[in-house]
Amino acid sequence: MPMYDYGCETCGTKALNEIRRIADRDTDPPTCGLCAQPMKRQWTIGTSGAFQDDIPGGILIHNAICNPDGTPKRYYSKSEIHKAAAKAGYYNHVEHVPSPGSDKNRFGHTTRWY
């Protein structure tokens, strides 16, 4: 059975990865556990939903994209970190460097990262 994300438009509660029958996904939406209102299906952003964007508990960043006064800043999603880095002029650079004589395919085995 497929999984869907639902959100409550009244209080903002989210229900992620609800397992629903395809026939019931729109006709019988789950109710919010907080305000008992019916929830609406949300569009999932990303490719397949295999990788979660959120970082439970957050991550404390001490360098580069910290607070303006230099104190560490906590981020709760990977997209939030990406936006802050782009705004500050930083980007993630990873380059595949194959070993001499190995497969030159860009998807080959990587022994060294920059």
PDB file of N, CA and C in Angstrom:
ATOM      1  N   MET A   1       0.845  -1.182   0.000  1.00  0.00           N
ATOM      2  CA  MET A   1       0.000   0.000   0.000  1.00  0.00           C
ATOM      3  C   MET A   1       0.891   1.246   0.000  1.00  0.00           C
ATOM      4  N   PRO A   2       0.477   2.279  -0.710  1.00  0.00           N
ATOM      5  CA  PRO A   2       1.275   3.500  -0.765  1.00  0.00           C
ATOM      6  C   PRO A   2       1.185   4.319   0.516  1.00  0.00           C
ATOM      7  N   MET A   3       2.176   5.199   0.696  1.00  0.00           N
ATOM      8  CA  MET A   3       2.204   6.080   1.853  1.00  0.00           C
ATOM      9  C   MET A   3       1.942   7.509   1.393  1.00  0.00           C
ATOM     10  N   TYR A   4       1.218   8.254   2.202  1.00  0.00           N
ATOM     11  CA  TYR A   4       0.881   9.639   1.888  1.00  0.00           C
ATOM     12  C   TYR A   4       1.167  10.523   3.089  1.00  0.00           C
ATOM     13  N   ASP A   5       1.415  11.795   2.818  1.00  0.00           N
ATOM     14  CA  ASP A   5       1.569  12.791   3.878  1.00  0.00           C
ATOM     15  C   ASP A   5       0.281  13.599   3.959  1.00  0.00           C
ATOM     16  N   TYR A   6      -0.172  13.854   5.192  1.00  0.00           N
ATOM     17  CA  TYR A   6      -1.382  14.630   5.411  1.00  0.00           C
ATOM     18  C   TYR A   6      -1.072  15.797   6.333  1.00  0.00           C
ATOM     19  N   GLY A   7      -1.835  16.888   6.183  1.00  0.00           N
ATOM     20  CA  GLY A   7      -1.667  18.047   7.040  1.00  0.00           C
ATOM     21  C   GLY A   7      -3.018  18.619   7.424  1.00  0.00           C
ATOM     22  N   CYS A   8      -3.099  19.157   8.625  1.00  0.00           N
ATOM     23  CA  CYS A   8      -4.327  19.778   9.106  1.00  0.00           C
ATOM     24  C   CYS A   8      -4.266  21.269   8.794  1.00  0.00           C
ATOM     25  N   GLU A   9      -5.248  21.770   8.064  1.00  0.00           N
ATOM     26  CA  GLU A   9      -5.277  23.184   7.709  1.00  0.00           C
ATOM     27  C   GLU A   9      -5.724  24.052   8.883  1.00  0.00           C
ATOM     28  N   THR A  10      -6.346  23.446   9.891  1.00  0.00           N
ATOM     29  CA  THR A  10      -6.822  24.204  11.050  1.00  0.00           C
ATOM     30  C   THR A  10      -5.698  24.505  12.036  1.00  0.00           C
ATOM     31  N   CYS A  11      -4.954  23.471  12.439  1.00  0.00           N
ATOM     32  CA  CYS A  11      -3.927  23.683  13.477  1.00  0.00           C
ATOM     33  C   CYS A  11      -2.498  23.480  12.975  1.00  0.00           C
ATOM     34  N   GLY A  12      -2.327  22.978  11.749  1.00  0.00           N
ATOM     35  CA  GLY A  12      -0.989  22.814  11.193  1.00  0.00           C
ATOM     36  C   GLY A  12      -0.303  21.507  11.509  1.00  0.00           C
ATOM     37  N   THR A  13      -0.976  20.587  12.184  1.00  0.00           N
ATOM     38  CA  THR A  13      -0.391  19.289  12.510  1.00  0.00           C
ATOM     39  C   THR A  13      -0.127  18.520  11.221  1.00  0.00           C
ATOM     40  N   LYS A  14       0.980  17.754  11.194  1.00  0.00           N
ATOM     41  CA  LYS A  14       1.313  16.946  10.021  1.00  0.00           C
ATOM     42  C   LYS A  14       1.328  15.471  10.395  1.00  0.00           C
ATOM     43  N   ALA A  15       0.860  14.647   9.482  1.00  0.00           N
ATOM     44  CA  ALA A  15       0.926  13.196   9.615  1.00  0.00           C
ATOM     45  C   ALA A  15       1.725  12.708   8.419  1.00  0.00           C
ATOM     46  N   LEU A  16       2.927  12.231   8.659  1.00  0.00           N
ATOM     47  CA  LEU A  16       3.803  11.819   7.572  1.00  0.00           C
ATOM     48  C   LEU A  16       3.791  10.315   7.399  1.00  0.00           C
ATOM     49  N   ASN A  17       3.876   9.882   6.148  1.00  0.00           N
ATOM     50  CA  ASN A  17       3.973   8.477   5.783  1.00  0.00           C
ATOM     51  C   ASN A  17       2.808   7.635   6.290  1.00  0.00           C
ATOM     52  N   GLU A  18       1.594   8.150   6.119  1.00  0.00           N
ATOM     53  CA  GLU A  18       0.394   7.386   6.451  1.00  0.00           C
ATOM     54  C   GLU A  18       0.208   6.309   5.385  1.00  0.00           C
ATOM     55  N   ILE A  19       0.045   5.075   5.799  1.00  0.00           N
ATOM     56  CA  ILE A  19      -0.192   3.989   4.857  1.00  0.00           C
ATOM     57  C   ILE A  19      -1.692   3.922   4.605  1.00  0.00           C
ATOM     58  N   ARG A  20      -2.091   4.100   3.349  1.00  0.00           N
ATOM     59  CA  ARG A  20      -3.516   4.144   2.982  1.00  0.00           C
ATOM     60  C   ARG A  20      -3.750   3.301   1.735  1.00  0.00           C
ATOM     61  N   ARG A  21      -4.934   2.725   1.668  1.00  0.00           N
ATOM     62  CA  ARG A  21      -5.330   2.082   0.417  1.00  0.00           C
ATOM     63  C   ARG A  21      -5.573   3.168  -0.612  1.00  0.00           C
ATOM     64  N   ILE A  22      -5.268   2.912  -1.849  1.00  0.00           N
ATOM     65  CA  ILE A  22      -5.446   3.915  -2.900  1.00  0.00           C
ATOM     66  C   ILE A  22      -6.895   4.368  -2.974  1.00  0.00           C
ATOM     67  N   ALA A  23      -7.831   3.460  -2.802  1.00  0.00           N
ATOM     68  CA  ALA A  23      -9.251   3.814  -2.874  1.00  0.00           C
ATOM     69  C   ALA A  23      -9.671   4.747  -1.741  1.00  0.00           C
ATOM     70  N   ASP A  24      -8.987   4.679  -0.584  1.00  0.00           N
ATOM     71  CA  ASP A  24      -9.368   5.480   0.581  1.00  0.00           C
ATOM     72  C   ASP A  24      -8.573   6.771   0.732  1.00  0.00           C
ATOM     73  N   ARG A  25      -7.588   6.998  -0.133  1.00  0.00           N
ATOM     74  CA  ARG A  25      -6.679   8.122   0.097  1.00  0.00           C
ATOM     75  C   ARG A  25      -7.377   9.476   0.081  1.00  0.00           C
ATOM     76  N   ASP A  26      -8.423   9.654  -0.733  1.00  0.00           N
ATOM     77  CA  ASP A  26      -9.104  10.937  -0.798  1.00  0.00           C
ATOM     78  C   ASP A  26     -10.528  10.891  -0.226  1.00  0.00           C
ATOM     79  N   THR A  27     -11.128   9.705  -0.198  1.00  0.00           N
ATOM     80  CA  THR A  27     -12.513   9.613   0.261  1.00  0.00           C
ATOM     81  C   THR A  27     -12.635   9.520   1.773  1.00  0.00           C
ATOM     82  N   ASP A  28     -11.637   8.972   2.431  1.00  0.00           N
ATOM     83  CA  ASP A  28     -11.690   8.797   3.876  1.00  0.00           C
ATOM     84  C   ASP A  28     -10.392   9.309   4.501  1.00  0.00           C
ATOM     85  N   PRO A  29     -10.190  10.648   4.541  1.00  0.00           N
ATOM     86  CA  PRO A  29      -8.927  11.171   5.069  1.00  0.00           C
ATOM     87  C   PRO A  29      -8.835  10.975   6.576  1.00  0.00           C
ATOM     88  N   PRO A  30      -7.607  10.869   7.103  1.00  0.00           N
ATOM     89  CA  PRO A  30      -7.470  10.727   8.550  1.00  0.00           C
ATOM     90  C   PRO A  30      -7.885  12.009   9.261  1.00  0.00           C
ATOM     91  N   THR A  31      -8.258  11.897  10.512  1.00  0.00           N
ATOM     92  CA  THR A  31      -8.614  13.088  11.288  1.00  0.00           C
ATOM     93  C   THR A  31      -7.422  13.496  12.141  1.00  0.00           C
ATOM     94  N   CYS A  32      -7.322  14.774  12.392  1.00  0.00           N
ATOM     95  CA  CYS A  32      -6.236  15.341  13.187  1.00  0.00           C
ATOM     96  C   CYS A  32      -6.368  14.879  14.635  1.00  0.00           C
ATOM     97  N   GLY A  33      -5.285  14.441  15.225  1.00  0.00           N
ATOM     98  CA  GLY A  33      -5.300  14.003  16.610  1.00  0.00           C
ATOM     99  C   GLY A  33      -5.381  15.161  17.595  1.00  0.00           C
ATOM    100  N   LEU A  34      -5.113  16.375  17.113  1.00  0.00           N
ATOM    101  CA  LEU A  34      -5.115  17.532  17.999  1.00  0.00           C
ATOM    102  C   LEU A  34      -6.470  18.244  18.016  1.00  0.00           C
ATOM    103  N   CYS A  35      -7.042  18.493  16.810  1.00  0.00           N
ATOM    104  CA  CYS A  35      -8.297  19.250  16.768  1.00  0.00           C
ATOM    105  C   CYS A  35      -9.456  18.464  16.158  1.00  0.00           C
ATOM    106  N   ALA A  36      -9.247  17.211  15.786  1.00  0.00           N
ATOM    107  CA  ALA A  36     -10.274  16.303  15.261  1.00  0.00           C
ATOM    108  C   ALA A  36     -10.876  16.737  13.926  1.00  0.00           C
ATOM    109  N   GLN A  37     -10.195  17.615  13.195  1.00  0.00           N
ATOM    110  CA  GLN A  37     -10.659  18.029  11.874  1.00  0.00           C
ATOM    111  C   GLN A  37     -10.088  17.071  10.820  1.00  0.00           C
ATOM    112  N   PRO A  38     -10.775  16.909   9.669  1.00  0.00           N
ATOM    113  CA  PRO A  38     -10.214  16.054   8.622  1.00  0.00           C
ATOM    114  C   PRO A  38      -8.936  16.686   8.053  1.00  0.00           C
ATOM    115  N   MET A  39      -7.968  15.841   7.760  1.00  0.00           N
ATOM    116  CA  MET A  39      -6.691  16.314   7.223  1.00  0.00           C
ATOM    117  C   MET A  39      -6.704  16.224   5.707  1.00  0.00           C
ATOM    118  N   LYS A  40      -5.892  17.050   5.044  1.00  0.00           N
ATOM    119  CA  LYS A  40      -5.791  17.038   3.587  1.00  0.00           C
ATOM    120  C   LYS A  40      -4.462  16.441   3.176  1.00  0.00           C
ATOM    121  N   ARG A  41      -4.480  15.721   2.061  1.00  0.00           N
ATOM    122  CA  ARG A  41      -3.251  15.124   1.555  1.00  0.00           C
ATOM    123  C   ARG A  41      -2.314  16.228   1.089  1.00  0.00           C
ATOM    124  N   GLN A  42      -1.021  16.105   1.435  1.00  0.00           N
ATOM    125  CA  GLN A  42      -0.019  17.091   1.069  1.00  0.00           C
ATOM    126  C   GLN A  42       0.807  16.558  -0.095  1.00  0.00           C
ATOM    127  N   TRP A  43       1.321  17.471  -0.889  1.00  0.00           N
ATOM    128  CA  TRP A  43       2.238  17.079  -1.960  1.00  0.00           C
ATOM    129  C   TRP A  43       3.595  16.828  -1.346  1.00  0.00           C
ATOM    130  N   THR A  44       4.184  15.709  -1.677  1.00  0.00           N
ATOM    131  CA  THR A  44       5.508  15.371  -1.175  1.00  0.00           C
ATOM    132  C   THR A  44       6.535  16.014  -2.086  1.00  0.00           C
ATOM    133  N   ILE A  45       7.479  16.742  -1.474  1.00  0.00           N
ATOM    134  CA  ILE A  45       8.530  17.378  -2.246  1.00  0.00           C
ATOM    135  C   ILE A  45       9.722  16.444  -2.272  1.00  0.00           C
ATOM    136  N   GLY A  46      10.286  16.234  -3.437  1.00  0.00           N
ATOM    137  CA  GLY A  46      11.449  15.366  -3.560  1.00  0.00           C
ATOM    138  C   GLY A  46      11.185  14.293  -4.594  1.00  0.00           C
ATOM    139  N   THR A  47      12.071  13.333  -4.655  1.00  0.00           N
ATOM    140  CA  THR A  47      11.970  12.311  -5.679  1.00  0.00           C
ATOM    141  C   THR A  47      11.026  11.200  -5.260  1.00  0.00           C
ATOM    142  N   SER A  48      11.427  10.383  -4.321  1.00  0.00           N
ATOM    143  CA  SER A  48      10.588   9.256  -3.945  1.00  0.00           C
ATOM    144  C   SER A  48      10.200   9.263  -2.484  1.00  0.00           C
ATOM    145  N   GLY A  49      10.680  10.204  -1.733  1.00  0.00           N
ATOM    146  CA  GLY A  49      10.401  10.225  -0.313  1.00  0.00           C
ATOM    147  C   GLY A  49      11.284   9.275   0.469  1.00  0.00           C
ATOM    148  N   ALA A  50      12.273   8.653  -0.187  1.00  0.00           N
ATOM    149  CA  ALA A  50      13.152   7.719   0.499  1.00  0.00           C
ATOM    150  C   ALA A  50      14.046   8.431   1.493  1.00  0.00           C
ATOM    151  N   PHE A  51      14.435   9.664   1.192  1.00  0.00           N
ATOM    152  CA  PHE A  51      15.287  10.433   2.081  1.00  0.00           C
ATOM    153  C   PHE A  51      14.459  11.511   2.751  1.00  0.00           C
ATOM    154  N   GLN A  52      14.499  11.544   4.056  1.00  0.00           N
ATOM    155  CA  GLN A  52      13.738  12.540   4.797  1.00  0.00           C
ATOM    156  C   GLN A  52      14.499  13.857   4.816  1.00  0.00           C
ATOM    157  N   ASP A  53      13.781  14.960   4.716  1.00  0.00           N
ATOM    158  CA  ASP A  53      14.394  16.282   4.751  1.00  0.00           C
ATOM    159  C   ASP A  53      14.612  16.751   6.182  1.00  0.00           C
ATOM    160  N   ASP A  54      13.743  16.319   7.082  1.00  0.00           N
ATOM    161  CA  ASP A  54      13.834  16.822   8.453  1.00  0.00           C
ATOM    162  C   ASP A  54      14.989  16.184   9.218  1.00  0.00           C
ATOM    163  N   ILE A  55      15.487  16.918  10.213  1.00  0.00           N
ATOM    164  CA  ILE A  55      16.553  16.441  11.082  1.00  0.00           C
ATOM    165  C   ILE A  55      15.971  16.454  12.498  1.00  0.00           C
ATOM    166  N   PRO A  56      15.525  15.295  13.002  1.00  0.00           N
ATOM    167  CA  PRO A  56      14.907  15.260  14.328  1.00  0.00           C
ATOM    168  C   PRO A  56      15.855  15.819  15.397  1.00  0.00           C
ATOM    169  N   GLY A  57      15.376  16.772  16.161  1.00  0.00           N
ATOM    170  CA  GLY A  57      16.196  17.401  17.191  1.00  0.00           C
ATOM    171  C   GLY A  57      17.103  18.491  16.666  1.00  0.00           C
ATOM    172  N   GLY A  58      17.243  18.564  15.353  1.00  0.00           N
ATOM    173  CA  GLY A  58      18.065  19.594  14.734  1.00  0.00           C
ATOM    174  C   GLY A  58      19.547  19.289  14.801  1.00  0.00           C
ATOM    175  N   ILE A  59      20.312  20.112  14.104  1.00  0.00           N
ATOM    176  CA  ILE A  59      21.763  20.015  14.109  1.00  0.00           C
ATOM    177  C   ILE A  59      22.304  21.410  14.374  1.00  0.00           C
ATOM    178  N   LEU A  60      23.297  21.496  15.230  1.00  0.00           N
ATOM    179  CA  LEU A  60      23.870  22.776  15.619  1.00  0.00           C
ATOM    180  C   LEU A  60      25.069  23.062  14.714  1.00  0.00           C
ATOM    181  N   ILE A  61      24.996  24.151  13.947  1.00  0.00           N
ATOM    182  CA  ILE A  61      26.075  24.535  13.038  1.00  0.00           C
ATOM    183  C   ILE A  61      26.906  25.623  13.718  1.00  0.00           C
ATOM    184  N   HIS A  62      28.205  25.377  13.822  1.00  0.00           N
ATOM    185  CA  HIS A  62      29.104  26.303  14.515  1.00  0.00           C
ATOM    186  C   HIS A  62      29.862  27.228  13.547  1.00  0.00           C
ATOM    187  N   ASN A  63      29.976  26.862  12.277  1.00  0.00           N
ATOM    188  CA  ASN A  63      30.787  27.625  11.332  1.00  0.00           C
ATOM    189  C   ASN A  63      29.971  28.081  10.135  1.00  0.00           C
ATOM    190  N   ALA A  64      30.416  29.120   9.478  1.00  0.00           N
ATOM    191  CA  ALA A  64      29.924  29.603   8.186  1.00  0.00           C
ATOM    192  C   ALA A  64      28.469  30.065   8.187  1.00  0.00           C
ATOM    193  N   ILE A  65      27.528  29.189   8.486  1.00  0.00           N
ATOM    194  CA  ILE A  65      26.111  29.575   8.436  1.00  0.00           C
ATOM    195  C   ILE A  65      25.506  29.635   9.835  1.00  0.00           C
ATOM    196  N   CYS A  66      26.314  30.087  10.798  1.00  0.00           N
ATOM    197  CA  CYS A  66      25.826  30.260  12.160  1.00  0.00           C
ATOM    198  C   CYS A  66      25.108  31.609  12.270  1.00  0.00           C
ATOM    199  N   ASN A  67      24.721  32.005  13.464  1.00  0.00           N
ATOM    200  CA  ASN A  67      24.049  33.285  13.687  1.00  0.00           C
ATOM    201  C   ASN A  67      24.988  34.450  13.353  1.00  0.00           C
ATOM    202  N   PRO A  68      24.443  35.621  13.020  1.00  0.00           N
ATOM    203  CA  PRO A  68      25.279  36.773  12.666  1.00  0.00           C
ATOM    204  C   PRO A  68      26.287  37.174  13.747  1.00  0.00           C
ATOM    205  N   ASP A  69      25.962  36.918  15.016  1.00  0.00           N
ATOM    206  CA  ASP A  69      26.895  37.288  16.090  1.00  0.00           C
ATOM    207  C   ASP A  69      27.956  36.215  16.341  1.00  0.00           C
ATOM    208  N   GLY A  70      27.945  35.132  15.534  1.00  0.00           N
ATOM    209  CA  GLY A  70      28.952  34.080  15.652  1.00  0.00           C
ATOM    210  C   GLY A  70      28.560  32.919  16.534  1.00  0.00           C
ATOM    211  N   THR A  71      27.401  32.994  17.170  1.00  0.00           N
ATOM    212  CA  THR A  71      26.951  31.877  18.006  1.00  0.00           C
ATOM    213  C   THR A  71      26.369  30.776  17.118  1.00  0.00           C
ATOM    214  N   PRO A  72      26.435  29.524  17.569  1.00  0.00           N
ATOM    215  CA  PRO A  72      25.912  28.414  16.755  1.00  0.00           C
ATOM    216  C   PRO A  72      24.416  28.563  16.476  1.00  0.00           C
ATOM    217  N   LYS A  73      23.989  28.066  15.331  1.00  0.00           N
ATOM    218  CA  LYS A  73      22.579  28.107  14.942  1.00  0.00           C
ATOM    219  C   LYS A  73      22.087  26.686  14.715  1.00  0.00           C
ATOM    220  N   ARG A  74      20.869  26.383  15.168  1.00  0.00           N
ATOM    221  CA  ARG A  74      20.278  25.055  15.014  1.00  0.00           C
ATOM    222  C   ARG A  74      19.378  25.031  13.783  1.00  0.00           C
ATOM    223  N   TYR A  75      19.572  24.016  12.947  1.00  0.00           N
ATOM    224  CA  TYR A  75      18.758  23.819  11.753  1.00  0.00           C
ATOM    225  C   TYR A  75      17.991  22.508  11.906  1.00  0.00           C
ATOM    226  N   TYR A  76      16.736  22.510  11.444  1.00  0.00           N
ATOM    227  CA  TYR A  76      15.870  21.347  11.604  1.00  0.00           C
ATOM    228  C   TYR A  76      15.553  20.623  10.294  1.00  0.00           C
ATOM    229  N   SER A  77      16.116  21.085   9.170  1.00  0.00           N
ATOM    230  CA  SER A  77      15.917  20.374   7.904  1.00  0.00           C
ATOM    231  C   SER A  77      17.115  20.611   6.995  1.00  0.00           C
ATOM    232  N   LYS A  78      17.331  19.656   6.103  1.00  0.00           N
ATOM    233  CA  LYS A  78      18.437  19.755   5.155  1.00  0.00           C
ATOM    234  C   LYS A  78      18.204  20.895   4.174  1.00  0.00           C
ATOM    235  N   SER A  79      16.943  21.119   3.798  1.00  0.00           N
ATOM    236  CA  SER A  79      16.650  22.215   2.864  1.00  0.00           C
ATOM    237  C   SER A  79      16.892  23.568   3.517  1.00  0.00           C
ATOM    238  N   GLU A  80      16.657  23.674   4.825  1.00  0.00           N
ATOM    239  CA  GLU A  80      16.924  24.913   5.550  1.00  0.00           C
ATOM    240  C   GLU A  80      18.438  25.206   5.551  1.00  0.00           C
ATOM    241  N   ILE A  81      19.259  24.172   5.733  1.00  0.00           N
ATOM    242  CA  ILE A  81      20.716  24.329   5.692  1.00  0.00           C
ATOM    243  C   ILE A  81      21.145  24.737   4.290  1.00  0.00           C
ATOM    244  N   HIS A  82      20.574  24.080   3.271  1.00  0.00           N
ATOM    245  CA  HIS A  82      20.914  24.378   1.885  1.00  0.00           C
ATOM    246  C   HIS A  82      20.591  25.833   1.535  1.00  0.00           C
ATOM    247  N   LYS A  83      19.423  26.317   1.962  1.00  0.00           N
ATOM    248  CA  LYS A  83      19.030  27.703   1.686  1.00  0.00           C
ATOM    249  C   LYS A  83      19.952  28.692   2.385  1.00  0.00           C
ATOM    250  N   ALA A  84      20.298  28.426   3.646  1.00  0.00           N
ATOM    251  CA  ALA A  84      21.195  29.315   4.390  1.00  0.00           C
ATOM    252  C   ALA A  84      22.579  29.339   3.757  1.00  0.00           C
ATOM    253  N   ALA A  85      23.065  28.185   3.311  1.00  0.00           N
ATOM    254  CA  ALA A  85      24.382  28.117   2.673  1.00  0.00           C
ATOM    255  C   ALA A  85      24.371  28.867   1.344  1.00  0.00           C
ATOM    256  N   ALA A  86      23.316  28.691   0.549  1.00  0.00           N
ATOM    257  CA  ALA A  86      23.225  29.391  -0.736  1.00  0.00           C
ATOM    258  C   ALA A  86      23.156  30.901  -0.525  1.00  0.00           C
ATOM    259  N   LYS A  87      22.414  31.321   0.478  1.00  0.00           N
ATOM    260  CA  LYS A  87      22.293  32.750   0.776  1.00  0.00           C
ATOM    261  C   LYS A  87      23.645  33.350   1.181  1.00  0.00           C
ATOM    262  N   ALA A  88      24.457  32.556   1.889  1.00  0.00           N
ATOM    263  CA  ALA A  88      25.772  33.018   2.323  1.00  0.00           C
ATOM    264  C   ALA A  88      26.843  32.846   1.241  1.00  0.00           C
ATOM    265  N   GLY A  89      26.464  32.228   0.108  1.00  0.00           N
ATOM    266  CA  GLY A  89      27.410  32.055  -0.990  1.00  0.00           C
ATOM    267  C   GLY A  89      28.198  30.758  -0.943  1.00  0.00           C
ATOM    268  N   TYR A  90      27.760  29.793  -0.151  1.00  0.00           N
ATOM    269  CA  TYR A  90      28.427  28.495  -0.056  1.00  0.00           C
ATOM    270  C   TYR A  90      27.660  27.465  -0.862  1.00  0.00           C
ATOM    271  N   TYR A  91      28.373  26.428  -1.312  1.00  0.00           N
ATOM    272  CA  TYR A  91      27.716  25.323  -1.997  1.00  0.00           C
ATOM    273  C   TYR A  91      28.449  24.037  -1.673  1.00  0.00           C
ATOM    274  N   ASN A  92      27.763  22.923  -1.791  1.00  0.00           N
ATOM    275  CA  ASN A  92      28.336  21.617  -1.519  1.00  0.00           C
ATOM    276  C   ASN A  92      29.024  21.127  -2.781  1.00  0.00           C
ATOM    277  N   HIS A  93      30.314  20.870  -2.694  1.00  0.00           N
ATOM    278  CA  HIS A  93      31.066  20.424  -3.862  1.00  0.00           C
ATOM    279  C   HIS A  93      31.667  19.052  -3.572  1.00  0.00           C
ATOM    280  N   VAL A  94      31.238  18.066  -4.313  1.00  0.00           N
ATOM    281  CA  VAL A  94      31.779  16.716  -4.210  1.00  0.00           C
ATOM    282  C   VAL A  94      32.196  16.302  -5.600  1.00  0.00           C
ATOM    283  N   GLU A  95      33.410  15.801  -5.733  1.00  0.00           N
ATOM    284  CA  GLU A  95      33.928  15.411  -7.042  1.00  0.00           C
ATOM    285  C   GLU A  95      34.380  13.961  -6.996  1.00  0.00           C
ATOM    286  N   HIS A  96      33.987  13.181  -7.983  1.00  0.00           N
ATOM    287  CA  HIS A  96      34.389  11.781  -8.079  1.00  0.00           C
ATOM    288  C   HIS A  96      35.793  11.727  -8.678  1.00  0.00           C
ATOM    289  N   VAL A  97      36.732  11.113  -7.957  1.00  0.00           N
ATOM    290  CA  VAL A  97      38.103  10.967  -8.434  1.00  0.00           C
ATOM    291  C   VAL A  97      38.417   9.476  -8.472  1.00  0.00           C
ATOM    292  N   PRO A  98      38.401   8.851  -9.681  1.00  0.00           N
ATOM    293  CA  PRO A  98      38.670   7.411  -9.746  1.00  0.00           C
ATOM    294  C   PRO A  98      40.147   7.115  -9.520  1.00  0.00           C
ATOM    295  N   SER A  99      40.442   5.918  -9.057  1.00  0.00           N
ATOM    296  CA  SER A  99      41.829   5.477  -8.898  1.00  0.00           C
ATOM    297  C   SER A  99      42.438   5.250 -10.271  1.00  0.00           C
ATOM    298  N   PRO A 100      43.751   5.433 -10.426  1.00  0.00           N
ATOM    299  CA  PRO A 100      44.396   5.199 -11.727  1.00  0.00           C
ATOM    300  C   PRO A 100      44.133   3.777 -12.222  1.00  0.00           C
ATOM    301  N   GLY A 101      43.690   3.676 -13.452  1.00  0.00           N
ATOM    302  CA  GLY A 101      43.420   2.378 -14.058  1.00  0.00           C
ATOM    303  C   GLY A 101      42.070   1.790 -13.707  1.00  0.00           C
ATOM    304  N   SER A 102      41.276   2.489 -12.925  1.00  0.00           N
ATOM    305  CA  SER A 102      39.966   1.963 -12.540  1.00  0.00           C
ATOM    306  C   SER A 102      38.915   2.393 -13.558  1.00  0.00           C
ATOM    307  N   ASP A 103      37.714   2.008 -13.285  1.00  0.00           N
ATOM    308  CA  ASP A 103      36.587   2.372 -14.140  1.00  0.00           C
ATOM    309  C   ASP A 103      36.461   3.896 -14.206  1.00  0.00           C
ATOM    310  N   LYS A 104      36.371   4.446 -15.379  1.00  0.00           N
ATOM    311  CA  LYS A 104      36.266   5.899 -15.552  1.00  0.00           C
ATOM    312  C   LYS A 104      34.819   6.372 -15.518  1.00  0.00           C
ATOM    313  N   ASN A 105      33.913   5.446 -15.352  1.00  0.00           N
ATOM    314  CA  ASN A 105      32.503   5.795 -15.262  1.00  0.00           C
ATOM    315  C   ASN A 105      32.289   6.720 -14.077  1.00  0.00           C
ATOM    316  N   ARG A 106      31.470   7.765 -14.246  1.00  0.00           N
ATOM    317  CA  ARG A 106      31.252   8.705 -13.160  1.00  0.00           C
ATOM    318  C   ARG A 106      30.522   8.071 -11.972  1.00  0.00           C
ATOM    319  N   PHE A 107      29.950   6.893 -12.178  1.00  0.00           N
ATOM    320  CA  PHE A 107      29.280   6.202 -11.084  1.00  0.00           C
ATOM    321  C   PHE A 107      30.157   5.090 -10.508  1.00  0.00           C
ATOM    322  N   GLY A 108      31.437   5.065 -10.899  1.00  0.00           N
ATOM    323  CA  GLY A 108      32.357   4.032 -10.423  1.00  0.00           C
ATOM    324  C   GLY A 108      32.708   4.216  -8.962  1.00  0.00           C
ATOM    325  N   HIS A 109      33.560   3.360  -8.482  1.00  0.00           N
ATOM    326  CA  HIS A 109      33.969   3.368  -7.071  1.00  0.00           C
ATOM    327  C   HIS A 109      34.854   4.578  -6.793  1.00  0.00           C
ATOM    328  N   THR A 110      34.581   5.311  -5.737  1.00  0.00           N
ATOM    329  CA  THR A 110      35.367   6.479  -5.360  1.00  0.00           C
ATOM    330  C   THR A 110      36.240   6.136  -4.160  1.00  0.00           C
ATOM    331  N   THR A 111      37.534   6.422  -4.292  1.00  0.00           N
ATOM    332  CA  THR A 111      38.444   6.173  -3.180  1.00  0.00           C
ATOM    333  C   THR A 111      38.896   7.458  -2.528  1.00  0.00           C
ATOM    334  N   ARG A 112      38.643   8.591  -3.162  1.00  0.00           N
ATOM    335  CA  ARG A 112      39.071   9.868  -2.607  1.00  0.00           C
ATOM    336  C   ARG A 112      38.024  10.926  -2.923  1.00  0.00           C
ATOM    337  N   TRP A 113      37.699  11.749  -1.941  1.00  0.00           N
ATOM    338  CA  TRP A 113      36.720  12.816  -2.126  1.00  0.00           C
ATOM    339  C   TRP A 113      37.378  14.161  -1.832  1.00  0.00           C
ATOM    340  N   TYR A 114      36.970  15.176  -2.573  1.00  0.00           N
ATOM    341  CA  TYR A 114      37.429  16.543  -2.315  1.00  0.00           C
ATOM    342  C   TYR A 114      36.326  17.326  -1.705  1.00  0.00           C
TER     343      TYR A 114
END
